[in-house]
Amino acid sequence: MSNLNWDDDDAPEPGADDKGAERTESRAGGKPGEDLDLADFHGMARLIERMHRRYLDVVRVGLSKQGIEDIGPVQALMVMLIGEDELSVRDLMERGYYLGSNASYSLKILVDAGYINRAANQRDRRTARLQLTDKGRELWEGLRRMEQAQAEALVRNETEVRDLKASYRTLRRLDRLWGDMVRYSCLDFD
């Protein structure tokens, strides 16, 4: 069990269950999203950004605890994305949503520090294949242990497992929606 303080800023207020039931009843006859509070949607978008920065801080602390000072949290997340796989640079960029120049800079740091091997593809010499070195796999395993401890601190019972899965599904839907809005900007969402 974790000794973290779980004061939840978003804990329901007394009587909030009654309000939720009223909203559900009023929504039954209306259009989906009619009772949607746009402040909640906007807050969620801002929270996603803040959580990413906070997660980078958590990874930075984890690196420090492992005595790793030659890479930063962004490079550590690249190590996590590669994992046991052998990826092309393009695959890595798509998995992590990196920009080309940022990915190149971080990959150079990881190669120079000895965490990944970057070799030319046998079929197409213009593309590179990425694979973790022994040093990279050791880091990857340490980061996975850190993530496991975080998951165990966050999800302590079946209700929290369901909540986590529902949150993940919602974030995936939002990712697809935003992706479609960018790709198909001609779509009318009115």
C-alpha atoms as a PDB file:
ATOM      1  CA  MET A   1       0.000   0.000   0.000  1.00  0.00           C
ATOM      2  CA  SER A   2       1.253   3.461  -0.837  1.00  0.00           C
ATOM      3  CA  ASN A   3       1.897   6.189   1.706  1.00  0.00           C
ATOM      4  CA  LEU A   4       0.830   8.856  -0.771  1.00  0.00           C
ATOM      5  CA  ASN A   5      -1.769  11.412   0.271  1.00  0.00           C
ATOM      6  CA  TRP A   6      -4.796  10.949  -1.960  1.00  0.00           C
ATOM      7  CA  ASP A   7      -6.682  14.167  -1.250  1.00  0.00           C
ATOM      8  CA  ASP A   8      -8.877  14.356  -4.308  1.00  0.00           C
ATOM      9  CA  ASP A   9      -9.667  17.871  -5.545  1.00  0.00           C
ATOM     10  CA  ASP A  10     -12.419  16.385  -7.665  1.00  0.00           C
ATOM     11  CA  ALA A  11     -14.126  14.401  -4.905  1.00  0.00           C
ATOM     12  CA  PRO A  12     -17.903  14.614  -5.190  1.00  0.00           C
ATOM     13  CA  GLU A  13     -19.552  17.173  -2.981  1.00  0.00           C
ATOM     14  CA  PRO A  14     -22.162  16.004  -0.482  1.00  0.00           C
ATOM     15  CA  GLY A  15     -25.375  15.408  -2.388  1.00  0.00           C
ATOM     16  CA  ALA A  16     -23.558  15.267  -5.731  1.00  0.00           C
ATOM     17  CA  ASP A  17     -24.976  11.806  -6.371  1.00  0.00           C
ATOM     18  CA  ASP A  18     -28.458  13.329  -6.327  1.00  0.00           C
ATOM     19  CA  LYS A  19     -27.427  15.982  -8.851  1.00  0.00           C
ATOM     20  CA  GLY A  20     -25.932  13.311 -11.130  1.00  0.00           C
ATOM     21  CA  ALA A  21     -29.152  11.311 -10.982  1.00  0.00           C
ATOM     22  CA  GLU A  22     -31.166  14.428 -11.851  1.00  0.00           C
ATOM     23  CA  ARG A  23     -28.885  15.172 -14.833  1.00  0.00           C
ATOM     24  CA  THR A  24     -29.193  11.591 -16.072  1.00  0.00           C
ATOM     25  CA  GLU A  25     -32.986  11.759 -15.847  1.00  0.00           C
ATOM     26  CA  SER A  26     -33.160  15.135 -17.623  1.00  0.00           C
ATOM     27  CA  ARG A  27     -30.822  13.902 -20.348  1.00  0.00           C
ATOM     28  CA  ALA A  28     -32.969  10.892 -21.139  1.00  0.00           C
ATOM     29  CA  GLY A  29     -35.368  12.937 -23.266  1.00  0.00           C
ATOM     30  CA  GLY A  30     -32.839  15.397 -24.735  1.00  0.00           C
ATOM     31  CA  LYS A  31     -29.980  15.225 -27.169  1.00  0.00           C
ATOM     32  CA  PRO A  32     -26.693  13.625 -26.083  1.00  0.00           C
ATOM     33  CA  GLY A  33     -24.386  16.293 -24.724  1.00  0.00           C
ATOM     34  CA  GLU A  34     -27.214  18.771 -24.052  1.00  0.00           C
ATOM     35  CA  ASP A  35     -26.351  18.954 -20.363  1.00  0.00           C
ATOM     36  CA  LEU A  36     -22.601  18.818 -21.003  1.00  0.00           C
ATOM     37  CA  ASP A  37     -20.751  21.435 -19.022  1.00  0.00           C
ATOM     38  CA  LEU A  38     -18.179  22.873 -21.442  1.00  0.00           C
ATOM     39  CA  ALA A  39     -16.110  23.976 -18.463  1.00  0.00           C
ATOM     40  CA  ASP A  40     -15.606  20.279 -17.688  1.00  0.00           C
ATOM     41  CA  PHE A  41     -14.530  19.593 -21.278  1.00  0.00           C
ATOM     42  CA  HIS A  42     -12.169  22.581 -21.294  1.00  0.00           C
ATOM     43  CA  GLY A  43     -10.843  21.598 -17.873  1.00  0.00           C
ATOM     44  CA  MET A  44     -10.166  18.072 -19.116  1.00  0.00           C
ATOM     45  CA  ALA A  45      -8.133  19.396 -22.054  1.00  0.00           C
ATOM     46  CA  ARG A  46      -6.054  21.560 -19.693  1.00  0.00           C
ATOM     47  CA  LEU A  47      -5.704  18.664 -17.251  1.00  0.00           C
ATOM     48  CA  ILE A  48      -4.295  16.404 -19.977  1.00  0.00           C
ATOM     49  CA  GLU A  49      -1.580  18.964 -20.682  1.00  0.00           C
ATOM     50  CA  ARG A  50      -0.781  19.446 -16.975  1.00  0.00           C
ATOM     51  CA  MET A  51      -0.731  15.693 -16.342  1.00  0.00           C
ATOM     52  CA  HIS A  52       1.791  15.183 -19.142  1.00  0.00           C
ATOM     53  CA  ARG A  53       4.130  17.744 -17.587  1.00  0.00           C
ATOM     54  CA  ARG A  54       3.619  16.217 -14.158  1.00  0.00           C
ATOM     55  CA  TYR A  55       4.307  12.719 -15.542  1.00  0.00           C
ATOM     56  CA  LEU A  56       7.583  13.992 -16.998  1.00  0.00           C
ATOM     57  CA  ASP A  57       8.440  15.261 -13.499  1.00  0.00           C
ATOM     58  CA  VAL A  58       7.664  11.809 -12.045  1.00  0.00           C
ATOM     59  CA  VAL A  59       9.913  10.176 -14.658  1.00  0.00           C
ATOM     60  CA  ARG A  60      12.648  12.737 -13.870  1.00  0.00           C
ATOM     61  CA  VAL A  61      12.468  11.754 -10.170  1.00  0.00           C
ATOM     62  CA  GLY A  62      12.557   8.061 -11.138  1.00  0.00           C
ATOM     63  CA  LEU A  63      15.662   8.627 -13.260  1.00  0.00           C
ATOM     64  CA  SER A  64      17.316  10.462 -10.392  1.00  0.00           C
ATOM     65  CA  LYS A  65      16.541   7.606  -7.981  1.00  0.00           C
ATOM     66  CA  GLN A  66      18.175   5.203 -10.445  1.00  0.00           C
ATOM     67  CA  GLY A  67      21.231   7.482 -10.594  1.00  0.00           C
ATOM     68  CA  ILE A  68      20.661   8.307 -14.268  1.00  0.00           C
ATOM     69  CA  GLU A  69      21.734  11.805 -15.197  1.00  0.00           C
ATOM     70  CA  ASP A  70      22.748  11.472 -18.844  1.00  0.00           C
ATOM     71  CA  ILE A  71      19.220  11.568 -20.281  1.00  0.00           C
ATOM     72  CA  GLY A  72      15.993  13.373 -19.483  1.00  0.00           C
ATOM     73  CA  PRO A  73      12.409  12.210 -19.098  1.00  0.00           C
ATOM     74  CA  VAL A  74      11.549  12.673 -22.785  1.00  0.00           C
ATOM     75  CA  GLN A  75      14.376  10.338 -23.787  1.00  0.00           C
ATOM     76  CA  ALA A  76      13.299   7.887 -21.057  1.00  0.00           C
ATOM     77  CA  LEU A  77       9.803   7.796 -22.547  1.00  0.00           C
ATOM     78  CA  MET A  78      11.366   6.947 -25.907  1.00  0.00           C
ATOM     79  CA  VAL A  79      13.120   4.029 -24.232  1.00  0.00           C
ATOM     80  CA  MET A  80       9.717   2.940 -22.882  1.00  0.00           C
ATOM     81  CA  LEU A  81       8.173   3.157 -26.359  1.00  0.00           C
ATOM     82  CA  ILE A  82      10.904   1.032 -27.918  1.00  0.00           C
ATOM     83  CA  GLY A  83      10.843  -1.560 -25.146  1.00  0.00           C
ATOM     84  CA  GLU A  84      11.502  -5.070 -26.433  1.00  0.00           C
ATOM     85  CA  ASP A  85      10.681  -4.107 -30.020  1.00  0.00           C
ATOM     86  CA  GLU A  86      12.869  -3.144 -32.928  1.00  0.00           C
ATOM     87  CA  LEU A  87      11.317  -0.050 -34.455  1.00  0.00           C
ATOM     88  CA  SER A  88      11.923   2.278 -37.331  1.00  0.00           C
ATOM     89  CA  VAL A  89      12.338   5.936 -36.462  1.00  0.00           C
ATOM     90  CA  ARG A  90       9.008   6.595 -38.186  1.00  0.00           C
ATOM     91  CA  ASP A  91       7.240   3.997 -35.991  1.00  0.00           C
ATOM     92  CA  LEU A  92       8.723   5.569 -32.871  1.00  0.00           C
ATOM     93  CA  MET A  93       7.594   9.027 -33.967  1.00  0.00           C
ATOM     94  CA  GLU A  94       4.053   7.794 -34.605  1.00  0.00           C
ATOM     95  CA  ARG A  95       3.843   5.909 -31.299  1.00  0.00           C
ATOM     96  CA  GLY A  96       5.039   8.899 -29.314  1.00  0.00           C
ATOM     97  CA  TYR A  97       3.665  11.710 -31.484  1.00  0.00           C
ATOM     98  CA  TYR A  98       7.108  13.278 -31.797  1.00  0.00           C
ATOM     99  CA  LEU A  99       8.123  15.909 -34.298  1.00  0.00           C
ATOM    100  CA  GLY A 100      11.032  15.009 -36.572  1.00  0.00           C
ATOM    101  CA  SER A 101      13.585  17.450 -35.181  1.00  0.00           C
ATOM    102  CA  ASN A 102      12.696  16.627 -31.563  1.00  0.00           C
ATOM    103  CA  ALA A 103      12.907  12.891 -32.216  1.00  0.00           C
ATOM    104  CA  SER A 104      16.267  13.220 -33.979  1.00  0.00           C
ATOM    105  CA  TYR A 105      17.723  15.261 -31.122  1.00  0.00           C
ATOM    106  CA  SER A 106      16.502  12.806 -28.464  1.00  0.00           C
ATOM    107  CA  LEU A 107      17.637   9.765 -30.460  1.00  0.00           C
ATOM    108  CA  LYS A 108      21.128  11.248 -30.798  1.00  0.00           C
ATOM    109  CA  ILE A 109      21.286  11.682 -27.012  1.00  0.00           C
ATOM    110  CA  LEU A 110      20.142   8.070 -26.475  1.00  0.00           C
ATOM    111  CA  VAL A 111      22.633   6.668 -28.998  1.00  0.00           C
ATOM    112  CA  ASP A 112      25.512   8.740 -27.577  1.00  0.00           C
ATOM    113  CA  ALA A 113      24.631   7.646 -24.021  1.00  0.00           C
ATOM    114  CA  GLY A 114      24.520   3.977 -25.070  1.00  0.00           C
ATOM    115  CA  TYR A 115      20.835   3.257 -24.454  1.00  0.00           C
ATOM    116  CA  ILE A 116      19.875   2.386 -28.030  1.00  0.00           C
ATOM    117  CA  ASN A 117      21.473   1.005 -31.166  1.00  0.00           C
ATOM    118  CA  ARG A 118      20.584   2.782 -34.372  1.00  0.00           C
ATOM    119  CA  ALA A 119      21.398   0.779 -37.470  1.00  0.00           C
ATOM    120  CA  ALA A 120      20.532   1.181 -41.131  1.00  0.00           C
ATOM    121  CA  ASN A 121      17.728  -1.019 -42.383  1.00  0.00           C
ATOM    122  CA  GLN A 122      19.043  -3.822 -44.614  1.00  0.00           C
ATOM    123  CA  ARG A 123      16.341  -3.330 -47.268  1.00  0.00           C
ATOM    124  CA  ASP A 124      16.232   0.461 -47.259  1.00  0.00           C
ATOM    125  CA  ARG A 125      19.486   2.122 -46.197  1.00  0.00           C
ATOM    126  CA  ARG A 126      17.692   5.467 -45.839  1.00  0.00           C
ATOM    127  CA  THR A 127      15.723   4.246 -42.814  1.00  0.00           C
ATOM    128  CA  ALA A 128      17.114   3.362 -39.416  1.00  0.00           C
ATOM    129  CA  ARG A 129      16.100   0.591 -37.029  1.00  0.00           C
ATOM    130  CA  LEU A 130      16.137   1.231 -33.286  1.00  0.00           C
ATOM    131  CA  GLN A 131      16.736  -1.351 -30.584  1.00  0.00           C
ATOM    132  CA  LEU A 132      17.616  -1.080 -26.898  1.00  0.00           C
ATOM    133  CA  THR A 133      21.116  -1.999 -25.776  1.00  0.00           C
ATOM    134  CA  ASP A 134      21.698  -3.905 -22.525  1.00  0.00           C
ATOM    135  CA  LYS A 135      21.973  -0.524 -20.776  1.00  0.00           C
ATOM    136  CA  GLY A 136      18.693   0.539 -22.390  1.00  0.00           C
ATOM    137  CA  ARG A 137      16.925  -2.658 -21.338  1.00  0.00           C
ATOM    138  CA  GLU A 138      18.107  -2.135 -17.756  1.00  0.00           C
ATOM    139  CA  LEU A 139      16.637   1.387 -17.807  1.00  0.00           C
ATOM    140  CA  TRP A 140      13.430   0.096 -19.422  1.00  0.00           C
ATOM    141  CA  GLU A 141      13.006  -2.504 -16.689  1.00  0.00           C
ATOM    142  CA  GLY A 142      13.524   0.125 -13.970  1.00  0.00           C
ATOM    143  CA  LEU A 143      10.958   2.408 -15.595  1.00  0.00           C
ATOM    144  CA  ARG A 144       8.478  -0.469 -15.873  1.00  0.00           C
ATOM    145  CA  ARG A 145       8.877  -1.190 -12.146  1.00  0.00           C
ATOM    146  CA  MET A 146       8.224   2.497 -11.471  1.00  0.00           C
ATOM    147  CA  GLU A 147       5.052   2.392 -13.597  1.00  0.00           C
ATOM    148  CA  GLN A 148       3.915  -0.784 -11.840  1.00  0.00           C
ATOM    149  CA  ALA A 149       4.268   0.913  -8.443  1.00  0.00           C
ATOM    150  CA  GLN A 150       2.297   3.912  -9.714  1.00  0.00           C
ATOM    151  CA  ALA A 151      -0.462   1.690 -11.081  1.00  0.00           C
ATOM    152  CA  GLU A 152      -0.725  -0.186  -7.785  1.00  0.00           C
ATOM    153  CA  ALA A 153      -0.957   3.112  -5.875  1.00  0.00           C
ATOM    154  CA  LEU A 154      -3.670   4.428  -8.211  1.00  0.00           C
ATOM    155  CA  VAL A 155      -5.817   1.323  -8.597  1.00  0.00           C
ATOM    156  CA  ARG A 156      -6.580  -0.271  -5.264  1.00  0.00           C
ATOM    157  CA  ASN A 157      -9.892  -2.060  -5.867  1.00  0.00           C
ATOM    158  CA  GLU A 158     -12.270  -3.256  -8.588  1.00  0.00           C
ATOM    159  CA  THR A 159     -14.149   0.055  -8.723  1.00  0.00           C
ATOM    160  CA  GLU A 160     -10.914   1.912  -9.404  1.00  0.00           C
ATOM    161  CA  VAL A 161      -9.999  -0.645 -12.094  1.00  0.00           C
ATOM    162  CA  ARG A 162     -13.330   0.090 -13.829  1.00  0.00           C
ATOM    163  CA  ASP A 163     -12.799   3.847 -13.402  1.00  0.00           C
ATOM    164  CA  LEU A 164      -9.327   3.629 -14.930  1.00  0.00           C
ATOM    165  CA  LYS A 165     -10.609   1.624 -17.895  1.00  0.00           C
ATOM    166  CA  ALA A 166     -13.488   4.082 -18.437  1.00  0.00           C
ATOM    167  CA  SER A 167     -11.071   7.021 -18.273  1.00  0.00           C
ATOM    168  CA  TYR A 168      -8.806   5.337 -20.795  1.00  0.00           C
ATOM    169  CA  ARG A 169     -11.709   4.685 -23.179  1.00  0.00           C
ATOM    170  CA  THR A 170     -12.817   8.313 -22.901  1.00  0.00           C
ATOM    171  CA  LEU A 171      -9.303   9.607 -23.583  1.00  0.00           C
ATOM    172  CA  ARG A 172      -8.951   7.267 -26.582  1.00  0.00           C
ATOM    173  CA  ARG A 173     -12.258   8.543 -28.002  1.00  0.00           C
ATOM    174  CA  LEU A 174     -11.085  12.117 -27.489  1.00  0.00           C
ATOM    175  CA  ASP A 175      -7.784  11.291 -29.207  1.00  0.00           C
ATOM    176  CA  ARG A 176      -9.646   9.867 -32.196  1.00  0.00           C
ATOM    177  CA  LEU A 177     -12.039  12.830 -32.312  1.00  0.00           C
ATOM    178  CA  TRP A 178      -9.238  15.389 -32.219  1.00  0.00           C
ATOM    179  CA  GLY A 179      -7.253  13.390 -34.778  1.00  0.00           C
ATOM    180  CA  ASP A 180     -10.231  13.272 -37.109  1.00  0.00           C
ATOM    181  CA  MET A 181     -10.846  16.987 -36.639  1.00  0.00           C
ATOM    182  CA  VAL A 182      -7.272  17.705 -37.718  1.00  0.00           C
ATOM    183  CA  ARG A 183      -7.199  15.206 -40.595  1.00  0.00           C
ATOM    184  CA  TYR A 184     -10.654  15.996 -41.920  1.00  0.00           C
ATOM    185  CA  SER A 185     -10.907  19.669 -41.062  1.00  0.00           C
ATOM    186  CA  CYS A 186     -13.711  19.969 -43.579  1.00  0.00           C
ATOM    187  CA  LEU A 187     -16.015  18.015 -41.229  1.00  0.00           C
ATOM    188  CA  ASP A 188     -18.817  20.084 -39.745  1.00  0.00           C
ATOM    189  CA  PHE A 189     -19.265  19.348 -36.049  1.00  0.00           C
ATOM    190  CA  ASP A 190     -22.286  21.658 -35.627  1.00  0.00           C
END
